Protein backbone atom coordinates (compact mmCIF):
# COMPACT_ATOMS: atom_id res chain seq x y z
CA MET A 1 -16.60 16.33 -19.54
CA ASP A 2 -16.59 16.61 -15.77
CA THR A 3 -13.24 17.85 -14.46
CA THR A 4 -14.21 17.76 -10.80
CA SER A 5 -11.78 15.63 -8.84
CA ILE A 6 -12.92 13.42 -6.03
CA ALA A 7 -10.97 13.73 -2.81
CA PRO A 8 -9.27 10.53 -1.74
CA ASP A 9 -10.94 8.70 1.12
CA LYS A 10 -9.21 7.62 4.33
CA TYR A 11 -8.29 4.24 2.81
CA GLU A 12 -6.66 5.81 -0.23
CA LEU A 13 -4.75 8.25 1.96
CA ALA A 14 -3.50 5.46 4.22
CA HIS A 15 -2.50 3.44 1.14
CA SER A 16 -0.57 6.39 -0.30
CA MET A 17 1.30 6.90 2.96
CA ALA A 18 2.18 3.20 3.18
CA LEU A 19 3.36 3.27 -0.45
CA GLU A 20 5.64 6.23 0.23
CA LYS A 21 7.20 4.40 3.19
CA LEU A 22 7.69 1.29 1.05
CA LYS A 23 9.26 3.29 -1.78
CA ALA A 24 11.65 4.99 0.64
CA CYS A 25 12.70 1.62 2.00
CA ASN A 26 13.12 0.26 -1.53
CA GLN A 27 15.45 3.14 -2.37
CA ARG A 28 17.70 2.05 0.50
CA ILE A 29 17.88 -1.54 -0.78
CA ASN A 30 18.27 -1.19 -4.55
CA ASN A 31 14.62 -0.65 -5.57
CA SER A 32 13.20 -4.05 -4.66
CA CYS A 33 11.80 -5.79 -1.62
CA MET A 34 13.11 -9.01 -3.14
CA GLN A 35 16.68 -7.81 -2.49
CA CYS A 36 16.05 -7.47 1.24
CA ASN A 37 17.05 -10.15 3.73
CA ILE A 38 13.87 -9.61 5.81
CA PHE A 39 11.48 -9.86 2.85
CA PHE A 40 9.13 -12.37 4.50
CA ASN A 41 9.18 -10.70 7.92
CA CYS A 42 9.18 -7.04 6.88
CA GLU A 43 6.67 -4.96 8.83
CA THR A 44 6.79 -2.14 6.23
CA ARG A 45 5.87 -4.55 3.45
CA LYS A 46 3.14 -6.25 5.55
CA HIS A 47 1.66 -2.84 6.40
CA TYR A 48 1.65 -1.84 2.72
CA VAL A 49 -0.10 -5.07 1.68
CA LYS A 50 -2.72 -4.56 4.41
CA LYS A 51 -3.36 -0.95 3.38
CA THR A 52 -3.57 -1.97 -0.28
CA TYR A 53 -6.23 -4.54 0.55
CA GLU A 54 -8.14 -2.06 2.71
CA SER A 55 -8.06 0.61 0.01
CA MET A 56 -9.45 -1.85 -2.53
CA SER A 57 -12.10 -3.38 -0.29
CA LYS A 58 -12.83 -0.22 1.75
CA ASP A 59 -12.39 -2.48 4.78
CA THR A 60 -15.62 -4.38 4.18
CA SER A 61 -15.85 -7.92 5.42
CA GLY A 62 -16.22 -10.89 3.17
CA GLY A 63 -14.23 -12.19 0.25
CA PHE A 64 -12.19 -10.08 -2.07
CA GLU A 65 -11.14 -11.13 -5.54
CA PHE A 66 -8.36 -9.51 -7.52
């Protein structure tokens, strides 16, 4: 069994940082974006969604299917 870990790439690092910011915000508003009055206009949430997509697609162009 190979126990060598692979270092996260720049997309994974950016995603992790965005997730930490989102979690910190969620802690301020009772653990859910849904409880926030700026849910649909939240820049923190939009940034997290963008970084999630980029980490999954590695920022390649074209379609992406979940």
